N, C-alpha and C. Protein backbone atom coordinates (compact mmCIF):
# COMPACT_ATOMS: atom_id res chain seq x y z
N GLN A 1 4.88 -17.57 7.87
CA GLN A 1 4.45 -17.30 9.22
C GLN A 1 5.18 -16.05 9.71
N MET A 2 4.44 -15.14 10.27
CA MET A 2 5.02 -13.89 10.75
C MET A 2 5.58 -14.07 12.15
N SER A 3 6.73 -13.47 12.38
CA SER A 3 7.27 -13.41 13.73
C SER A 3 8.24 -12.25 13.80
N LYS A 4 8.36 -11.67 14.98
CA LYS A 4 9.27 -10.53 15.16
C LYS A 4 10.71 -10.95 14.93
N SER A 5 11.07 -12.17 15.29
CA SER A 5 12.46 -12.60 15.16
C SER A 5 12.91 -12.76 13.70
N THR A 6 11.99 -13.08 12.80
CA THR A 6 12.37 -13.23 11.38
C THR A 6 12.22 -11.93 10.62
N GLY A 7 11.66 -10.91 11.24
CA GLY A 7 11.60 -9.59 10.62
C GLY A 7 10.43 -9.39 9.68
N ASN A 8 9.53 -10.34 9.57
CA ASN A 8 8.39 -10.17 8.66
C ASN A 8 7.09 -9.89 9.42
N PHE A 9 7.20 -9.27 10.56
CA PHE A 9 6.05 -8.98 11.40
C PHE A 9 5.50 -7.60 11.06
N LEU A 10 4.19 -7.49 10.92
CA LEU A 10 3.53 -6.20 10.68
C LEU A 10 2.47 -5.98 11.74
N THR A 11 2.41 -4.78 12.28
CA THR A 11 1.29 -4.46 13.15
C THR A 11 0.09 -4.19 12.25
N LEU A 12 -1.09 -4.14 12.83
CA LEU A 12 -2.29 -3.88 12.05
C LEU A 12 -2.20 -2.53 11.36
N THR A 13 -1.72 -1.53 12.07
CA THR A 13 -1.58 -0.19 11.49
C THR A 13 -0.61 -0.20 10.31
N GLN A 14 0.53 -0.87 10.47
CA GLN A 14 1.50 -0.96 9.38
C GLN A 14 0.91 -1.69 8.17
N ALA A 15 0.17 -2.75 8.43
CA ALA A 15 -0.41 -3.54 7.34
C ALA A 15 -1.45 -2.73 6.58
N VAL A 16 -2.30 -1.99 7.30
CA VAL A 16 -3.32 -1.17 6.65
C VAL A 16 -2.66 -0.04 5.87
N ASP A 17 -1.61 0.56 6.43
CA ASP A 17 -0.89 1.61 5.70
C ASP A 17 -0.26 1.06 4.43
N LYS A 18 0.23 -0.16 4.48
CA LYS A 18 0.93 -0.76 3.33
C LYS A 18 -0.04 -1.29 2.28
N PHE A 19 -1.15 -1.93 2.72
CA PHE A 19 -2.02 -2.63 1.78
C PHE A 19 -3.42 -2.04 1.66
N SER A 20 -3.80 -1.11 2.49
CA SER A 20 -5.13 -0.53 2.60
C SER A 20 -6.03 -1.48 3.39
N ALA A 21 -7.10 -0.94 3.92
CA ALA A 21 -8.01 -1.76 4.72
C ALA A 21 -8.65 -2.84 3.85
N ASP A 22 -9.07 -2.49 2.64
CA ASP A 22 -9.71 -3.48 1.77
C ASP A 22 -8.72 -4.54 1.30
N GLY A 23 -7.49 -4.14 1.01
CA GLY A 23 -6.47 -5.12 0.64
C GLY A 23 -6.22 -6.10 1.77
N MET A 24 -6.20 -5.61 3.00
CA MET A 24 -6.02 -6.49 4.15
C MET A 24 -7.20 -7.43 4.33
N ARG A 25 -8.41 -6.90 4.14
CA ARG A 25 -9.60 -7.76 4.28
C ARG A 25 -9.52 -8.93 3.30
N LEU A 26 -9.16 -8.65 2.06
CA LEU A 26 -9.06 -9.71 1.06
C LEU A 26 -7.97 -10.71 1.43
N ALA A 27 -6.81 -10.21 1.84
CA ALA A 27 -5.70 -11.10 2.19
C ALA A 27 -6.03 -11.94 3.41
N LEU A 28 -6.66 -11.34 4.41
CA LEU A 28 -7.01 -12.09 5.61
C LEU A 28 -8.11 -13.11 5.34
N ALA A 29 -9.03 -12.76 4.45
CA ALA A 29 -10.07 -13.73 4.09
C ALA A 29 -9.46 -14.93 3.39
N ASP A 30 -8.36 -14.71 2.67
CA ASP A 30 -7.69 -15.78 1.95
C ASP A 30 -6.66 -16.52 2.82
N ALA A 31 -6.41 -16.01 4.01
CA ALA A 31 -5.35 -16.57 4.86
C ALA A 31 -5.67 -17.96 5.39
N GLY A 32 -6.92 -18.35 5.33
CA GLY A 32 -7.28 -19.69 5.77
C GLY A 32 -8.37 -19.67 6.80
N ASP A 33 -9.21 -20.68 6.73
CA ASP A 33 -10.30 -20.76 7.69
C ASP A 33 -10.39 -22.16 8.30
N THR A 34 -9.31 -22.88 8.24
CA THR A 34 -9.29 -24.21 8.84
C THR A 34 -8.75 -24.11 10.26
N VAL A 35 -8.51 -25.25 10.88
CA VAL A 35 -7.95 -25.25 12.23
C VAL A 35 -6.44 -24.97 12.21
N GLU A 36 -5.86 -24.91 11.02
CA GLU A 36 -4.44 -24.59 10.87
C GLU A 36 -4.21 -23.11 11.17
N ASP A 37 -2.97 -22.75 11.46
CA ASP A 37 -2.63 -21.34 11.64
C ASP A 37 -2.88 -20.59 10.33
N ALA A 38 -3.33 -19.35 10.45
CA ALA A 38 -3.55 -18.52 9.27
C ALA A 38 -2.21 -18.25 8.59
N ASN A 39 -2.23 -18.20 7.27
CA ASN A 39 -1.02 -17.96 6.50
C ASN A 39 -1.21 -16.69 5.68
N PHE A 40 -0.82 -15.55 6.24
CA PHE A 40 -0.92 -14.27 5.55
C PHE A 40 0.17 -14.19 4.50
N VAL A 41 -0.22 -13.91 3.26
CA VAL A 41 0.73 -13.82 2.16
C VAL A 41 0.66 -12.41 1.58
N GLU A 42 1.79 -11.71 1.59
CA GLU A 42 1.81 -10.34 1.09
C GLU A 42 1.43 -10.28 -0.38
N ALA A 43 1.79 -11.29 -1.16
CA ALA A 43 1.45 -11.30 -2.59
C ALA A 43 -0.07 -11.30 -2.77
N MET A 44 -0.77 -11.97 -1.86
CA MET A 44 -2.24 -11.98 -1.93
C MET A 44 -2.79 -10.60 -1.64
N ALA A 45 -2.22 -9.90 -0.70
CA ALA A 45 -2.66 -8.54 -0.40
C ALA A 45 -2.42 -7.63 -1.60
N ASP A 46 -1.24 -7.77 -2.22
CA ASP A 46 -0.95 -6.98 -3.42
C ASP A 46 -1.93 -7.31 -4.54
N ALA A 47 -2.21 -8.59 -4.74
CA ALA A 47 -3.15 -9.01 -5.78
C ALA A 47 -4.55 -8.48 -5.47
N GLY A 48 -4.93 -8.46 -4.20
CA GLY A 48 -6.24 -7.94 -3.82
C GLY A 48 -6.37 -6.47 -4.16
N ILE A 49 -5.33 -5.70 -3.90
CA ILE A 49 -5.35 -4.28 -4.24
C ILE A 49 -5.49 -4.11 -5.75
N LEU A 50 -4.77 -4.91 -6.52
CA LEU A 50 -4.85 -4.83 -7.98
C LEU A 50 -6.27 -5.17 -8.46
N ARG A 51 -6.87 -6.22 -7.89
CA ARG A 51 -8.23 -6.58 -8.28
C ARG A 51 -9.22 -5.46 -7.94
N LEU A 52 -9.05 -4.85 -6.77
CA LEU A 52 -9.93 -3.75 -6.39
C LEU A 52 -9.77 -2.58 -7.37
N TYR A 53 -8.52 -2.25 -7.71
CA TYR A 53 -8.28 -1.16 -8.64
C TYR A 53 -8.91 -1.46 -10.00
N THR A 54 -8.74 -2.69 -10.48
CA THR A 54 -9.31 -3.08 -11.77
C THR A 54 -10.83 -2.98 -11.74
N TRP A 55 -11.43 -3.42 -10.64
CA TRP A 55 -12.88 -3.36 -10.51
C TRP A 55 -13.37 -1.91 -10.50
N VAL A 56 -12.69 -1.04 -9.75
CA VAL A 56 -13.09 0.37 -9.69
C VAL A 56 -12.98 1.00 -11.08
N GLU A 57 -11.92 0.69 -11.81
CA GLU A 57 -11.77 1.23 -13.17
C GLU A 57 -12.89 0.73 -14.08
N TRP A 58 -13.28 -0.54 -13.95
CA TRP A 58 -14.36 -1.09 -14.76
C TRP A 58 -15.67 -0.37 -14.44
N VAL A 59 -15.93 -0.13 -13.15
CA VAL A 59 -17.15 0.58 -12.75
C VAL A 59 -17.16 1.98 -13.35
N LYS A 60 -16.03 2.67 -13.30
CA LYS A 60 -15.94 4.01 -13.88
C LYS A 60 -16.23 3.97 -15.38
N GLU A 61 -15.71 2.97 -16.06
CA GLU A 61 -15.95 2.82 -17.50
C GLU A 61 -17.43 2.56 -17.78
N MET A 62 -18.06 1.71 -16.96
CA MET A 62 -19.48 1.42 -17.16
C MET A 62 -20.33 2.67 -16.93
N ILE A 63 -19.97 3.45 -15.92
CA ILE A 63 -20.72 4.69 -15.64
C ILE A 63 -20.55 5.68 -16.80
N ALA A 64 -19.33 5.78 -17.31
CA ALA A 64 -19.07 6.71 -18.41
C ALA A 64 -19.81 6.30 -19.68
N ASN A 65 -20.04 5.00 -19.87
CA ASN A 65 -20.69 4.51 -21.09
C ASN A 65 -22.11 4.01 -20.84
N ARG A 66 -22.74 4.49 -19.80
CA ARG A 66 -24.06 3.95 -19.46
C ARG A 66 -25.10 4.22 -20.53
N ASP A 67 -24.90 5.23 -21.37
CA ASP A 67 -25.87 5.50 -22.44
C ASP A 67 -25.84 4.41 -23.51
N SER A 68 -24.73 3.67 -23.60
CA SER A 68 -24.64 2.61 -24.61
C SER A 68 -25.14 1.27 -24.09
N LEU A 69 -25.50 1.21 -22.82
CA LEU A 69 -26.03 -0.03 -22.25
C LEU A 69 -27.50 -0.19 -22.62
N ARG A 70 -27.99 -1.38 -22.48
CA ARG A 70 -29.38 -1.68 -22.81
C ARG A 70 -30.32 -0.85 -21.96
N SER A 71 -31.38 -0.40 -22.57
CA SER A 71 -32.40 0.35 -21.82
C SER A 71 -33.77 -0.18 -22.23
N GLY A 72 -34.78 0.31 -21.57
CA GLY A 72 -36.13 -0.13 -21.87
C GLY A 72 -36.64 -1.07 -20.81
N PRO A 73 -37.80 -1.64 -21.06
CA PRO A 73 -38.39 -2.51 -20.05
C PRO A 73 -37.57 -3.78 -19.83
N ALA A 74 -37.48 -4.19 -18.59
CA ALA A 74 -36.74 -5.41 -18.23
C ALA A 74 -37.76 -6.54 -18.10
N ASP A 75 -38.16 -7.10 -19.23
CA ASP A 75 -39.21 -8.11 -19.17
C ASP A 75 -38.87 -9.38 -19.94
N THR A 76 -37.59 -9.61 -20.18
CA THR A 76 -37.22 -10.87 -20.82
C THR A 76 -37.16 -11.96 -19.75
N PHE A 77 -37.08 -13.19 -20.19
CA PHE A 77 -36.98 -14.32 -19.25
C PHE A 77 -35.76 -14.16 -18.36
N ASN A 78 -34.63 -13.79 -18.96
CA ASN A 78 -33.39 -13.62 -18.18
C ASN A 78 -33.54 -12.51 -17.14
N ASP A 79 -34.24 -11.45 -17.48
CA ASP A 79 -34.47 -10.36 -16.52
C ASP A 79 -35.30 -10.85 -15.34
N ARG A 80 -36.32 -11.65 -15.62
CA ARG A 80 -37.18 -12.16 -14.54
C ARG A 80 -36.42 -13.14 -13.66
N VAL A 81 -35.58 -13.98 -14.26
CA VAL A 81 -34.76 -14.92 -13.48
C VAL A 81 -33.80 -14.14 -12.59
N PHE A 82 -33.15 -13.12 -13.15
CA PHE A 82 -32.20 -12.31 -12.38
C PHE A 82 -32.91 -11.64 -11.20
N ALA A 83 -34.06 -11.03 -11.46
CA ALA A 83 -34.81 -10.35 -10.39
C ALA A 83 -35.23 -11.36 -9.31
N SER A 84 -35.64 -12.53 -9.73
CA SER A 84 -36.04 -13.56 -8.77
C SER A 84 -34.87 -13.99 -7.89
N GLU A 85 -33.70 -14.21 -8.50
CA GLU A 85 -32.51 -14.60 -7.74
C GLU A 85 -32.09 -13.50 -6.77
N MET A 86 -32.15 -12.25 -7.21
CA MET A 86 -31.80 -11.13 -6.32
C MET A 86 -32.77 -11.06 -5.14
N ASN A 87 -34.06 -11.21 -5.41
CA ASN A 87 -35.05 -11.18 -4.33
C ASN A 87 -34.84 -12.33 -3.36
N ALA A 88 -34.53 -13.52 -3.88
CA ALA A 88 -34.27 -14.67 -3.00
C ALA A 88 -33.04 -14.40 -2.13
N GLY A 89 -32.01 -13.81 -2.70
CA GLY A 89 -30.81 -13.47 -1.92
C GLY A 89 -31.10 -12.44 -0.85
N ILE A 90 -31.93 -11.47 -1.17
CA ILE A 90 -32.31 -10.44 -0.20
C ILE A 90 -33.08 -11.07 0.96
N MET A 91 -34.00 -11.97 0.64
CA MET A 91 -34.79 -12.62 1.70
C MET A 91 -33.90 -13.49 2.58
N LYS A 92 -32.96 -14.24 2.00
CA LYS A 92 -32.04 -15.06 2.79
C LYS A 92 -31.16 -14.20 3.69
N THR A 93 -30.69 -13.10 3.14
CA THR A 93 -29.85 -12.19 3.94
C THR A 93 -30.64 -11.63 5.12
N GLU A 94 -31.86 -11.20 4.85
CA GLU A 94 -32.69 -10.66 5.93
C GLU A 94 -32.96 -11.71 7.01
N GLN A 95 -33.24 -12.95 6.60
CA GLN A 95 -33.46 -14.02 7.56
C GLN A 95 -32.22 -14.28 8.41
N ASN A 96 -31.06 -14.27 7.78
CA ASN A 96 -29.81 -14.50 8.53
C ASN A 96 -29.51 -13.36 9.49
N TYR A 97 -29.79 -12.13 9.08
CA TYR A 97 -29.59 -11.00 10.00
C TYR A 97 -30.53 -11.08 11.19
N GLU A 98 -31.75 -11.53 10.95
CA GLU A 98 -32.71 -11.66 12.05
C GLU A 98 -32.28 -12.72 13.05
N LYS A 99 -31.61 -13.79 12.57
CA LYS A 99 -31.13 -14.85 13.45
C LYS A 99 -30.01 -14.33 14.33
């Protein structure tokens, strides 16, 4: 639990400077969503930054090697299932935004 008296208090600006905006979003999302007080954990923010970095590096690797990925028509059963699930997700998202 953060408090000024224990010295572990961070302002929003300090937290974003220390962990980045995305690192803070991940840590705050993990801080809890129950009726209990939120529990911000700096280790979670650090882990979030590491996961983001790992993901960005993976994306860069995929882009660099895109010629080695599968190409051609996307007409297998798995391709159709994937497209159907994506379309269903898009429709649900649109319905929720309209609400």
